[in-house]
């Protein structure tokens, strides 16, 4: 069974490319959230094995705020593994697939 990854990225082209690269090996299913608020909704629905998190996001929560005390219960206390800085890691996604 494929593990779920939550990719939090507001730039659609980056999100699509990262999803394509990560999913090509068949080991992962990627869900995309375009804001911190969407990410929290996704986390409430299903706990992903990994969160790939952009720092600069539109809306109420940027990447750092998503990890702050306001969302600590949903992110850190549930044992999620956030990977911050998605934009800079796009070239390295092939090593995950």
PDB file of N, CA and C in Angstrom:
ATOM      1  N   UNK A   1       0.843  -1.185   0.000  1.00  0.00           N
ATOM      2  CA  UNK A   1       0.000   0.000   0.000  1.00  0.00           C
ATOM      3  C   UNK A   1       0.885   1.243   0.000  1.00  0.00           C
ATOM      4  N   UNK A   2       0.537   2.207  -0.811  1.00  0.00           N
ATOM      5  CA  UNK A   2       1.313   3.435  -0.936  1.00  0.00           C
ATOM      6  C   UNK A   2       1.126   4.313   0.306  1.00  0.00           C
ATOM      7  N   UNK A   3       2.221   4.918   0.744  1.00  0.00           N
ATOM      8  CA  UNK A   3       2.161   5.851   1.869  1.00  0.00           C
ATOM      9  C   UNK A   3       1.710   7.218   1.359  1.00  0.00           C
ATOM     10  N   UNK A   4       1.032   7.950   2.243  1.00  0.00           N
ATOM     11  CA  UNK A   4       0.530   9.266   1.870  1.00  0.00           C
ATOM     12  C   UNK A   4       1.506  10.362   2.284  1.00  0.00           C
ATOM     13  N   UNK A   5       1.701  11.308   1.378  1.00  0.00           N
ATOM     14  CA  UNK A   5       2.525  12.488   1.639  1.00  0.00           C
ATOM     15  C   UNK A   5       1.644  13.708   1.406  1.00  0.00           C
ATOM     16  N   UNK A   6       1.732  14.659   2.313  1.00  0.00           N
ATOM     17  CA  UNK A   6       1.032  15.928   2.135  1.00  0.00           C
ATOM     18  C   UNK A   6       2.033  16.961   1.657  1.00  0.00           C
ATOM     19  N   UNK A   7       1.825  17.496   0.482  1.00  0.00           N
ATOM     20  CA  UNK A   7       2.670  18.535  -0.091  1.00  0.00           C
ATOM     21  C   UNK A   7       1.939  19.863   0.048  1.00  0.00           C
ATOM     22  N   UNK A   8       2.517  20.788   0.803  1.00  0.00           N
ATOM     23  CA  UNK A   8       1.907  22.097   1.017  1.00  0.00           C
ATOM     24  C   UNK A   8       2.698  23.101   0.189  1.00  0.00           C
ATOM     25  N   UNK A   9       2.130  23.483  -0.943  1.00  0.00           N
ATOM     26  CA  UNK A   9       2.811  24.351  -1.915  1.00  0.00           C
ATOM     27  C   UNK A   9       1.757  25.151  -2.662  1.00  0.00           C
ATOM     28  N   UNK A  10       1.898  26.469  -2.660  1.00  0.00           N
ATOM     29  CA  UNK A  10       0.907  27.322  -3.302  1.00  0.00           C
ATOM     30  C   UNK A  10       1.166  27.572  -4.780  1.00  0.00           C
ATOM     31  N   UNK A  11       2.348  27.286  -5.256  1.00  0.00           N
ATOM     32  CA  UNK A  11       2.654  27.484  -6.681  1.00  0.00           C
ATOM     33  C   UNK A  11       2.302  26.194  -7.420  1.00  0.00           C
ATOM     34  N   UNK A  12       1.257  26.283  -8.231  1.00  0.00           N
ATOM     35  CA  UNK A  12       0.693  25.095  -8.862  1.00  0.00           C
ATOM     36  C   UNK A  12       1.710  24.308  -9.698  1.00  0.00           C
ATOM     37  N   UNK A  13       2.535  24.994 -10.468  1.00  0.00           N
ATOM     38  CA  UNK A  13       3.531  24.300 -11.304  1.00  0.00           C
ATOM     39  C   UNK A  13       4.512  23.506 -10.444  1.00  0.00           C
ATOM     40  N   UNK A  14       4.940  24.074  -9.317  1.00  0.00           N
ATOM     41  CA  UNK A  14       5.863  23.363  -8.415  1.00  0.00           C
ATOM     42  C   UNK A  14       5.171  22.147  -7.800  1.00  0.00           C
ATOM     43  N   UNK A  15       3.930  22.336  -7.370  1.00  0.00           N
ATOM     44  CA  UNK A  15       3.195  21.248  -6.737  1.00  0.00           C
ATOM     45  C   UNK A  15       2.967  20.091  -7.708  1.00  0.00           C
ATOM     46  N   UNK A  16       2.560  20.409  -8.943  1.00  0.00           N
ATOM     47  CA  UNK A  16       2.315  19.364  -9.939  1.00  0.00           C
ATOM     48  C   UNK A  16       3.588  18.586 -10.268  1.00  0.00           C
ATOM     49  N   UNK A  17       4.697  19.298 -10.444  1.00  0.00           N
ATOM     50  CA  UNK A  17       5.954  18.636 -10.778  1.00  0.00           C
ATOM     51  C   UNK A  17       6.435  17.755  -9.633  1.00  0.00           C
ATOM     52  N   UNK A  18       6.364  18.269  -8.401  1.00  0.00           N
ATOM     53  CA  UNK A  18       6.779  17.484  -7.244  1.00  0.00           C
ATOM     54  C   UNK A  18       5.912  16.239  -7.097  1.00  0.00           C
ATOM     55  N   UNK A  19       4.608  16.393  -7.262  1.00  0.00           N
ATOM     56  CA  UNK A  19       3.684  15.253  -7.171  1.00  0.00           C
ATOM     57  C   UNK A  19       4.027  14.197  -8.211  1.00  0.00           C
ATOM     58  N   UNK A  20       4.273  14.640  -9.436  1.00  0.00           N
ATOM     59  CA  UNK A  20       4.621  13.722 -10.530  1.00  0.00           C
ATOM     60  C   UNK A  20       5.898  12.932 -10.199  1.00  0.00           C
ATOM     61  N   UNK A  21       6.910  13.630  -9.722  1.00  0.00           N
ATOM     62  CA  UNK A  21       8.187  12.990  -9.408  1.00  0.00           C
ATOM     63  C   UNK A  21       8.049  12.004  -8.252  1.00  0.00           C
ATOM     64  N   UNK A  22       7.371  12.436  -7.189  1.00  0.00           N
ATOM     65  CA  UNK A  22       7.246  11.579  -6.006  1.00  0.00           C
ATOM     66  C   UNK A  22       6.407  10.343  -6.296  1.00  0.00           C
ATOM     67  N   UNK A  23       5.334  10.496  -7.062  1.00  0.00           N
ATOM     68  CA  UNK A  23       4.427   9.377  -7.309  1.00  0.00           C
ATOM     69  C   UNK A  23       4.910   8.414  -8.390  1.00  0.00           C
ATOM     70  N   UNK A  24       5.917   8.782  -9.175  1.00  0.00           N
ATOM     71  CA  UNK A  24       6.292   7.940 -10.308  1.00  0.00           C
ATOM     72  C   UNK A  24       6.789   6.560  -9.908  1.00  0.00           C
ATOM     73  N   UNK A  25       7.297   6.388  -8.727  1.00  0.00           N
ATOM     74  CA  UNK A  25       7.748   5.066  -8.285  1.00  0.00           C
ATOM     75  C   UNK A  25       6.641   4.194  -7.741  1.00  0.00           C
ATOM     76  N   UNK A  26       5.459   4.769  -7.502  1.00  0.00           N
ATOM     77  CA  UNK A  26       4.326   4.004  -7.016  1.00  0.00           C
ATOM     78  C   UNK A  26       4.320   3.738  -5.520  1.00  0.00           C
ATOM     79  N   UNK A  27       5.325   4.231  -4.795  1.00  0.00           N
ATOM     80  CA  UNK A  27       5.388   3.985  -3.345  1.00  0.00           C
ATOM     81  C   UNK A  27       4.623   5.027  -2.540  1.00  0.00           C
ATOM     82  N   UNK A  28       4.302   6.177  -3.160  1.00  0.00           N
ATOM     83  CA  UNK A  28       3.687   7.279  -2.438  1.00  0.00           C
ATOM     84  C   UNK A  28       2.486   7.830  -3.193  1.00  0.00           C
ATOM     85  N   UNK A  29       1.519   8.319  -2.431  1.00  0.00           N
ATOM     86  CA  UNK A  29       0.380   9.066  -2.962  1.00  0.00           C
ATOM     87  C   UNK A  29       0.491  10.460  -2.374  1.00  0.00           C
ATOM     88  N   UNK A  30       0.472  11.469  -3.220  1.00  0.00           N
ATOM     89  CA  UNK A  30       0.663  12.853  -2.785  1.00  0.00           C
ATOM     90  C   UNK A  30      -0.662  13.597  -2.801  1.00  0.00           C
ATOM     91  N   UNK A  31      -0.965  14.236  -1.673  1.00  0.00           N
ATOM     92  CA  UNK A  31      -2.106  15.136  -1.572  1.00  0.00           C
ATOM     93  C   UNK A  31      -1.534  16.546  -1.513  1.00  0.00           C
ATOM     94  N   UNK A  32      -2.140  17.473  -2.225  1.00  0.00           N
ATOM     95  CA  UNK A  32      -1.628  18.842  -2.293  1.00  0.00           C
ATOM     96  C   UNK A  32      -2.563  19.788  -1.546  1.00  0.00           C
ATOM     97  N   UNK A  33      -1.965  20.635  -0.712  1.00  0.00           N
ATOM     98  CA  UNK A  33      -2.677  21.737  -0.070  1.00  0.00           C
ATOM     99  C   UNK A  33      -1.989  23.015  -0.521  1.00  0.00           C
ATOM    100  N   UNK A  34      -2.775  24.043  -0.824  1.00  0.00           N
ATOM    101  CA  UNK A  34      -2.209  25.292  -1.344  1.00  0.00           C
ATOM    102  C   UNK A  34      -2.055  26.368  -0.280  1.00  0.00           C
ATOM    103  N   UNK A  35      -2.451  26.076   0.953  1.00  0.00           N
ATOM    104  CA  UNK A  35      -2.332  27.044   2.046  1.00  0.00           C
ATOM    105  C   UNK A  35      -2.211  26.297   3.364  1.00  0.00           C
ATOM    106  N   UNK A  36      -1.849  27.019   4.405  1.00  0.00           N
ATOM    107  CA  UNK A  36      -1.777  26.415   5.725  1.00  0.00           C
ATOM    108  C   UNK A  36      -3.124  25.905   6.195  1.00  0.00           C
ATOM    109  N   UNK A  37      -4.180  26.650   5.873  1.00  0.00           N
ATOM    110  CA  UNK A  37      -5.525  26.234   6.263  1.00  0.00           C
ATOM    111  C   UNK A  37      -5.921  24.927   5.577  1.00  0.00           C
ATOM    112  N   UNK A  38      -5.624  24.820   4.280  1.00  0.00           N
ATOM    113  CA  UNK A  38      -5.912  23.572   3.562  1.00  0.00           C
ATOM    114  C   UNK A  38      -5.103  22.420   4.140  1.00  0.00           C
ATOM    115  N   UNK A  39      -3.867  22.698   4.524  1.00  0.00           N
ATOM    116  CA  UNK A  39      -3.019  21.657   5.115  1.00  0.00           C
ATOM    117  C   UNK A  39      -3.629  21.134   6.412  1.00  0.00           C
ATOM    118  N   UNK A  40      -4.111  22.032   7.264  1.00  0.00           N
ATOM    119  CA  UNK A  40      -4.738  21.600   8.518  1.00  0.00           C
ATOM    120  C   UNK A  40      -5.970  20.744   8.257  1.00  0.00           C
ATOM    121  N   UNK A  41      -6.758  21.105   7.249  1.00  0.00           N
ATOM    122  CA  UNK A  41      -7.928  20.299   6.890  1.00  0.00           C
ATOM    123  C   UNK A  41      -7.499  18.894   6.455  1.00  0.00           C
ATOM    124  N   UNK A  42      -6.460  18.813   5.629  1.00  0.00           N
ATOM    125  CA  UNK A  42      -5.959  17.515   5.172  1.00  0.00           C
ATOM    126  C   UNK A  42      -5.461  16.675   6.342  1.00  0.00           C
ATOM    127  N   UNK A  43      -4.747  17.306   7.270  1.00  0.00           N
ATOM    128  CA  UNK A  43      -4.205  16.590   8.424  1.00  0.00           C
ATOM    129  C   UNK A  43      -5.340  16.070   9.307  1.00  0.00           C
ATOM    130  N   UNK A  44      -6.403  16.825   9.435  1.00  0.00           N
ATOM    131  CA  UNK A  44      -7.559  16.372  10.228  1.00  0.00           C
ATOM    132  C   UNK A  44      -8.223  15.148   9.588  1.00  0.00           C
ATOM    133  N   UNK A  45      -8.222  15.096   8.253  1.00  0.00           N
ATOM    134  CA  UNK A  45      -8.842  13.976   7.536  1.00  0.00           C
ATOM    135  C   UNK A  45      -8.013  12.705   7.602  1.00  0.00           C
ATOM    136  N   UNK A  46      -6.711  12.858   7.425  1.00  0.00           N
ATOM    137  CA  UNK A  46      -5.830  11.697   7.326  1.00  0.00           C
ATOM    138  C   UNK A  46      -4.416  12.107   7.731  1.00  0.00           C
ATOM    139  N   UNK A  47      -3.790  11.301   8.554  1.00  0.00           N
ATOM    140  CA  UNK A  47      -2.431  11.598   9.008  1.00  0.00           C
ATOM    141  C   UNK A  47      -1.436  11.088   7.961  1.00  0.00           C
ATOM    142  N   UNK A  48      -0.727  11.986   7.275  1.00  0.00           N
ATOM    143  CA  UNK A  48       0.241  11.541   6.264  1.00  0.00           C
ATOM    144  C   UNK A  48       1.523  11.021   6.916  1.00  0.00           C
ATOM    145  N   UNK A  49       2.276  10.238   6.173  1.00  0.00           N
ATOM    146  CA  UNK A  49       3.568   9.752   6.658  1.00  0.00           C
ATOM    147  C   UNK A  49       4.595  10.878   6.687  1.00  0.00           C
ATOM    148  N   UNK A  50       4.416  11.870   5.809  1.00  0.00           N
ATOM    149  CA  UNK A  50       5.361  12.978   5.687  1.00  0.00           C
ATOM    150  C   UNK A  50       4.624  14.208   5.193  1.00  0.00           C
ATOM    151  N   UNK A  51       5.035  15.369   5.700  1.00  0.00           N
ATOM    152  CA  UNK A  51       4.533  16.644   5.188  1.00  0.00           C
ATOM    153  C   UNK A  51       5.703  17.384   4.566  1.00  0.00           C
ATOM    154  N   UNK A  52       5.592  17.735   3.293  1.00  0.00           N
ATOM    155  CA  UNK A  52       6.586  18.566   2.619  1.00  0.00           C
ATOM    156  C   UNK A  52       5.980  19.963   2.587  1.00  0.00           C
ATOM    157  N   UNK A  53       6.627  20.888   3.262  1.00  0.00           N
ATOM    158  CA  UNK A  53       6.004  22.156   3.597  1.00  0.00           C
ATOM    159  C   UNK A  53       6.793  23.340   3.064  1.00  0.00           C
ATOM    160  N   UNK A  54       6.157  24.147   2.224  1.00  0.00           N
ATOM    161  CA  UNK A  54       6.739  25.400   1.763  1.00  0.00           C
ATOM    162  C   UNK A  54       6.677  26.402   2.912  1.00  0.00           C
ATOM    163  N   UNK A  55       7.609  27.318   2.956  1.00  0.00           N
ATOM    164  CA  UNK A  55       7.647  28.315   4.025  1.00  0.00           C
ATOM    165  C   UNK A  55       6.706  29.471   3.719  1.00  0.00           C
ATOM    166  N   UNK A  56       6.714  29.954   2.492  1.00  0.00           N
ATOM    167  CA  UNK A  56       5.898  31.107   2.108  1.00  0.00           C
ATOM    168  C   UNK A  56       4.569  30.626   1.541  1.00  0.00           C
ATOM    169  N   UNK A  57       3.506  30.828   2.316  1.00  0.00           N
ATOM    170  CA  UNK A  57       2.179  30.394   1.906  1.00  0.00           C
ATOM    171  C   UNK A  57       1.187  31.537   2.064  1.00  0.00           C
ATOM    172  N   UNK A  58       0.150  31.573   1.235  1.00  0.00           N
ATOM    173  CA  UNK A  58      -0.885  32.588   1.404  1.00  0.00           C
ATOM    174  C   UNK A  58      -1.816  32.202   2.551  1.00  0.00           C
ATOM    175  N   UNK A  59      -2.560  33.169   3.031  1.00  0.00           N
ATOM    176  CA  UNK A  59      -3.568  32.880   4.042  1.00  0.00           C
ATOM    177  C   UNK A  59      -3.088  33.143   5.454  1.00  0.00           C
ATOM    178  N   UNK A  60      -3.808  32.594   6.391  1.00  0.00           N
ATOM    179  CA  UNK A  60      -3.579  32.842   7.811  1.00  0.00           C
ATOM    180  C   UNK A  60      -2.269  32.239   8.326  1.00  0.00           C
ATOM    181  N   UNK A  61      -1.893  31.061   7.818  1.00  0.00           N
ATOM    182  CA  UNK A  61      -0.702  30.361   8.289  1.00  0.00           C
ATOM    183  C   UNK A  61       0.339  30.256   7.189  1.00  0.00           C
ATOM    184  N   UNK A  62       1.568  30.720   7.447  1.00  0.00           N
ATOM    185  CA  UNK A  62       2.653  30.373   6.536  1.00  0.00           C
ATOM    186  C   UNK A  62       3.252  29.061   7.054  1.00  0.00           C
ATOM    187  N   UNK A  63       4.294  28.594   6.435  1.00  0.00           N
ATOM    188  CA  UNK A  63       4.873  27.316   6.825  1.00  0.00           C
ATOM    189  C   UNK A  63       5.327  27.265   8.270  1.00  0.00           C
ATOM    190  N   UNK A  64       5.962  28.336   8.730  1.00  0.00           N
ATOM    191  CA  UNK A  64       6.433  28.354  10.114  1.00  0.00           C
ATOM    192  C   UNK A  64       5.272  28.424  11.098  1.00  0.00           C
ATOM    193  N   UNK A  65       4.267  29.211  10.780  1.00  0.00           N
ATOM    194  CA  UNK A  65       3.107  29.321  11.660  1.00  0.00           C
ATOM    195  C   UNK A  65       2.341  28.009  11.750  1.00  0.00           C
ATOM    196  N   UNK A  66       2.346  27.259  10.658  1.00  0.00           N
ATOM    197  CA  UNK A  66       1.693  25.956  10.667  1.00  0.00           C
ATOM    198  C   UNK A  66       2.329  25.042  11.706  1.00  0.00           C
ATOM    199  N   UNK A  67       3.619  25.209  11.920  1.00  0.00           N
ATOM    200  CA  UNK A  67       4.333  24.396  12.896  1.00  0.00           C
ATOM    201  C   UNK A  67       4.370  25.021  14.290  1.00  0.00           C
ATOM    202  N   UNK A  68       3.806  26.199  14.437  1.00  0.00           N
ATOM    203  CA  UNK A  68       3.864  26.912  15.710  1.00  0.00           C
ATOM    204  C   UNK A  68       2.904  26.318  16.733  1.00  0.00           C
ATOM    205  N   UNK A  69       2.844  26.958  17.868  1.00  0.00           N
ATOM    206  CA  UNK A  69       1.980  26.490  18.948  1.00  0.00           C
ATOM    207  C   UNK A  69       0.522  26.417  18.547  1.00  0.00           C
ATOM    208  N   UNK A  70       0.074  27.225  17.576  1.00  0.00           N
ATOM    209  CA  UNK A  70      -1.330  27.212  17.166  1.00  0.00           C
ATOM    210  C   UNK A  70      -1.732  25.881  16.544  1.00  0.00           C
ATOM    211  N   UNK A  71      -0.807  25.219  15.913  1.00  0.00           N
ATOM    212  CA  UNK A  71      -1.134  23.949  15.267  1.00  0.00           C
ATOM    213  C   UNK A  71      -0.327  22.797  15.847  1.00  0.00           C
ATOM    214  N   UNK A  72       0.325  23.008  16.975  1.00  0.00           N
ATOM    215  CA  UNK A  72       1.177  21.987  17.595  1.00  0.00           C
ATOM    216  C   UNK A  72       0.422  20.682  17.805  1.00  0.00           C
ATOM    217  N   UNK A  73      -0.796  20.763  18.280  1.00  0.00           N
ATOM    218  CA  UNK A  73      -1.571  19.559  18.546  1.00  0.00           C
ATOM    219  C   UNK A  73      -1.768  18.729  17.280  1.00  0.00           C
ATOM    220  N   UNK A  74      -2.040  19.399  16.154  1.00  0.00           N
ATOM    221  CA  UNK A  74      -2.306  18.669  14.918  1.00  0.00           C
ATOM    222  C   UNK A  74      -1.046  18.165  14.238  1.00  0.00           C
ATOM    223  N   UNK A  75       0.055  18.889  14.370  1.00  0.00           N
ATOM    224  CA  UNK A  75       1.247  18.540  13.614  1.00  0.00           C
ATOM    225  C   UNK A  75       2.246  17.754  14.453  1.00  0.00           C
ATOM    226  N   UNK A  76       2.808  18.357  15.472  1.00  0.00           N
ATOM    227  CA  UNK A  76       3.893  17.725  16.213  1.00  0.00           C
ATOM    228  C   UNK A  76       3.426  16.627  17.163  1.00  0.00           C
ATOM    229  N   UNK A  77       2.318  16.838  17.863  1.00  0.00           N
ATOM    230  CA  UNK A  77       1.864  15.854  18.839  1.00  0.00           C
ATOM    231  C   UNK A  77       1.344  14.571  18.209  1.00  0.00           C
ATOM    232  N   UNK A  78       1.000  14.599  16.937  1.00  0.00           N
ATOM    233  CA  UNK A  78       0.532  13.390  16.266  1.00  0.00           C
ATOM    234  C   UNK A  78       1.671  12.636  15.589  1.00  0.00           C
ATOM    235  N   UNK A  79       2.886  13.093  15.783  1.00  0.00           N
ATOM    236  CA  UNK A  79       4.031  12.389  15.243  1.00  0.00           C
ATOM    237  C   UNK A  79       4.285  12.610  13.765  1.00  0.00           C
ATOM    238  N   UNK A  80       3.738  13.660  13.188  1.00  0.00           N
ATOM    239  CA  UNK A  80       3.972  13.945  11.776  1.00  0.00           C
ATOM    240  C   UNK A  80       5.415  14.391  11.565  1.00  0.00           C
ATOM    241  N   UNK A  81       5.923  14.123  10.397  1.00  0.00           N
ATOM    242  CA  UNK A  81       7.294  14.485  10.067  1.00  0.00           C
ATOM    243  C   UNK A  81       7.270  15.603   9.027  1.00  0.00           C
ATOM    244  N   UNK A  82       7.396  16.855   9.462  1.00  0.00           N
ATOM    245  CA  UNK A  82       7.400  17.943   8.479  1.00  0.00           C
ATOM    246  C   UNK A  82       8.778  18.133   7.856  1.00  0.00           C
ATOM    247  N   UNK A  83       8.814  18.435   6.585  1.00  0.00           N
ATOM    248  CA  UNK A  83      10.028  18.752   5.852  1.00  0.00           C
ATOM    249  C   UNK A  83       9.805  20.148   5.291  1.00  0.00           C
ATOM    250  N   UNK A  84      10.476  21.133   5.871  1.00  0.00           N
ATOM    251  CA  UNK A  84      10.205  22.535   5.558  1.00  0.00           C
ATOM    252  C   UNK A  84      11.079  23.007   4.405  1.00  0.00           C
ATOM    253  N   UNK A  85      10.490  23.797   3.500  1.00  0.00           N
ATOM    254  CA  UNK A  85      11.243  24.399   2.406  1.00  0.00           C
ATOM    255  C   UNK A  85      11.034  23.694   1.087  1.00  0.00           C
ATOM    256  N   UNK A  86       9.811  23.380   0.754  1.00  0.00           N
ATOM    257  CA  UNK A  86       9.507  22.584  -0.443  1.00  0.00           C
ATOM    258  C   UNK A  86      10.082  23.175  -1.716  1.00  0.00           C
ATOM    259  N   UNK A  87      10.050  24.473  -1.882  1.00  0.00           N
ATOM    260  CA  UNK A  87      10.510  25.098  -3.117  1.00  0.00           C
ATOM    261  C   UNK A  87      11.975  24.768  -3.396  1.00  0.00           C
ATOM    262  N   UNK A  88      12.775  24.713  -2.363  1.00  0.00           N
ATOM    263  CA  UNK A  88      14.198  24.460  -2.530  1.00  0.00           C
ATOM    264  C   UNK A  88      14.518  22.984  -2.692  1.00  0.00           C
ATOM    265  N   UNK A  89      13.569  22.119  -2.412  1.00  0.00           N
ATOM    266  CA  UNK A  89      13.810  20.687  -2.448  1.00  0.00           C
ATOM    267  C   UNK A  89      13.303  20.013  -3.710  1.00  0.00           C
ATOM    268  N   UNK A  90      12.677  20.757  -4.590  1.00  0.00           N
ATOM    269  CA  UNK A  90      12.070  20.173  -5.781  1.00  0.00           C
ATOM    270  C   UNK A  90      13.051  19.313  -6.558  1.00  0.00           C
ATOM    271  N   UNK A  91      14.277  19.760  -6.694  1.00  0.00           N
ATOM    272  CA  UNK A  91      15.272  19.006  -7.452  1.00  0.00           C
ATOM    273  C   UNK A  91      15.657  17.705  -6.759  1.00  0.00           C
ATOM    274  N   UNK A  92      15.439  17.606  -5.445  1.00  0.00           N
ATOM    275  CA  UNK A  92      15.837  16.422  -4.696  1.00  0.00           C
ATOM    276  C   UNK A  92      14.728  15.396  -4.527  1.00  0.00           C
ATOM    277  N   UNK A  93      13.520  15.638  -5.048  1.00  0.00           N
ATOM    278  CA  UNK A  93      12.428  14.722  -4.844  1.00  0.00           C
ATOM    279  C   UNK A  93      12.675  13.356  -5.474  1.00  0.00           C
ATOM    280  N   UNK A  94      13.459  13.284  -6.506  1.00  0.00           N
ATOM    281  CA  UNK A  94      13.718  11.997  -7.149  1.00  0.00           C
ATOM    282  C   UNK A  94      14.365  11.009  -6.178  1.00  0.00           C
ATOM    283  N   UNK A  95      15.060  11.482  -5.173  1.00  0.00           N
ATOM    284  CA  UNK A  95      15.672  10.551  -4.211  1.00  0.00           C
ATOM    285  C   UNK A  95      14.632   9.924  -3.303  1.00  0.00           C
ATOM    286  N   UNK A  96      13.425  10.510  -3.190  1.00  0.00           N
ATOM    287  CA  UNK A  96      12.352   9.928  -2.384  1.00  0.00           C
ATOM    288  C   UNK A  96      11.585   8.863  -3.148  1.00  0.00           C
ATOM    289  N   UNK A  97      11.517   8.985  -4.443  1.00  0.00           N
ATOM    290  CA  UNK A  97      10.652   8.106  -5.245  1.00  0.00           C
ATOM    291  C   UNK A  97      11.230   6.738  -5.464  1.00  0.00           C
TER     292      UNK A  97
END
